[in-house]
Amino acid sequence: MNIQTDKINSLMLPLTGFGNVGGQSVNLVDEAKAAELGEALKQGDVSGYIEKYGTEYAVG
């Protein structure tokens, strides 16, 4: 098998920040961006999402 690593993208669920719920540290999900990512995944093409938001992990 020949895997073309330049064709692979790594994405994380988008976050707005971090918080504390019931004494537990939590990641706060960016609901709007998560919905966009979900729709892109349903369509089978995340290229537009990546073009808009990139692939770097950053809160905000």
Protein backbone atom coordinates (compact mmCIF):
# COMPACT_ATOMS: atom_id res chain seq x y z
CA MET A 1 0.00 0.00 0.00
CA ASN A 2 1.33 3.43 -0.94
CA ILE A 3 -0.12 6.15 1.28
CA GLN A 4 0.29 9.70 -0.01
CA THR A 5 0.80 11.64 3.22
CA ASP A 6 0.54 14.96 1.37
CA LYS A 7 -3.12 14.07 0.70
CA ILE A 8 -3.96 13.64 4.41
CA ASN A 9 -5.39 16.45 6.57
CA SER A 10 -5.81 16.32 10.32
CA LEU A 11 -8.67 18.27 11.88
CA MET A 12 -9.96 18.80 15.41
CA LEU A 13 -13.41 19.78 16.53
CA PRO A 14 -13.28 23.60 16.71
CA LEU A 15 -13.25 25.12 20.19
CA THR A 16 -14.08 28.53 21.62
CA GLY A 17 -12.01 27.95 24.74
CA PHE A 18 -11.77 25.95 27.92
CA GLY A 19 -13.92 25.91 31.00
CA ASN A 20 -14.86 24.16 34.19
CA VAL A 21 -18.10 22.25 34.65
CA GLY A 22 -18.79 20.54 37.96
CA GLY A 23 -15.14 20.76 38.90
CA GLN A 24 -14.01 19.14 35.64
CA SER A 25 -11.92 20.83 32.97
CA VAL A 26 -13.77 20.86 29.66
CA ASN A 27 -13.27 22.00 26.08
CA LEU A 28 -15.95 24.42 24.91
CA VAL A 29 -17.09 23.56 21.38
CA ASP A 30 -17.61 26.27 18.76
CA GLU A 31 -21.09 25.13 17.74
CA ALA A 32 -21.26 27.15 14.50
CA LYS A 33 -17.91 25.94 13.17
CA ALA A 34 -18.67 22.40 14.34
CA ALA A 35 -21.90 22.48 12.32
CA GLU A 36 -19.95 23.64 9.25
CA LEU A 37 -17.41 20.88 9.73
CA GLY A 38 -20.20 18.32 10.18
CA GLU A 39 -21.85 19.43 6.96
CA ALA A 40 -18.54 19.25 5.08
CA LEU A 41 -18.00 15.73 6.40
CA LYS A 42 -21.52 14.70 5.34
CA GLN A 43 -20.80 16.02 1.85
CA GLY A 44 -17.50 14.11 1.77
CA ASP A 45 -15.41 17.20 1.03
CA VAL A 46 -13.74 19.27 3.75
CA SER A 47 -11.61 21.34 1.35
CA GLY A 48 -13.86 24.41 1.68
CA TYR A 49 -13.79 24.18 5.47
CA ILE A 50 -10.00 23.87 5.44
CA GLU A 51 -9.68 26.78 3.02
CA LYS A 52 -11.84 28.93 5.33
CA TYR A 53 -10.39 27.88 8.73
CA GLY A 54 -7.14 26.04 8.02
CA THR A 55 -5.88 22.97 9.83
CA GLU A 56 -3.95 24.54 12.68
CA TYR A 57 -5.31 23.98 16.16
CA ALA A 58 -6.21 27.30 17.72
CA VAL A 59 -8.94 28.38 20.11
CA GLY A 60 -11.10 31.23 18.96
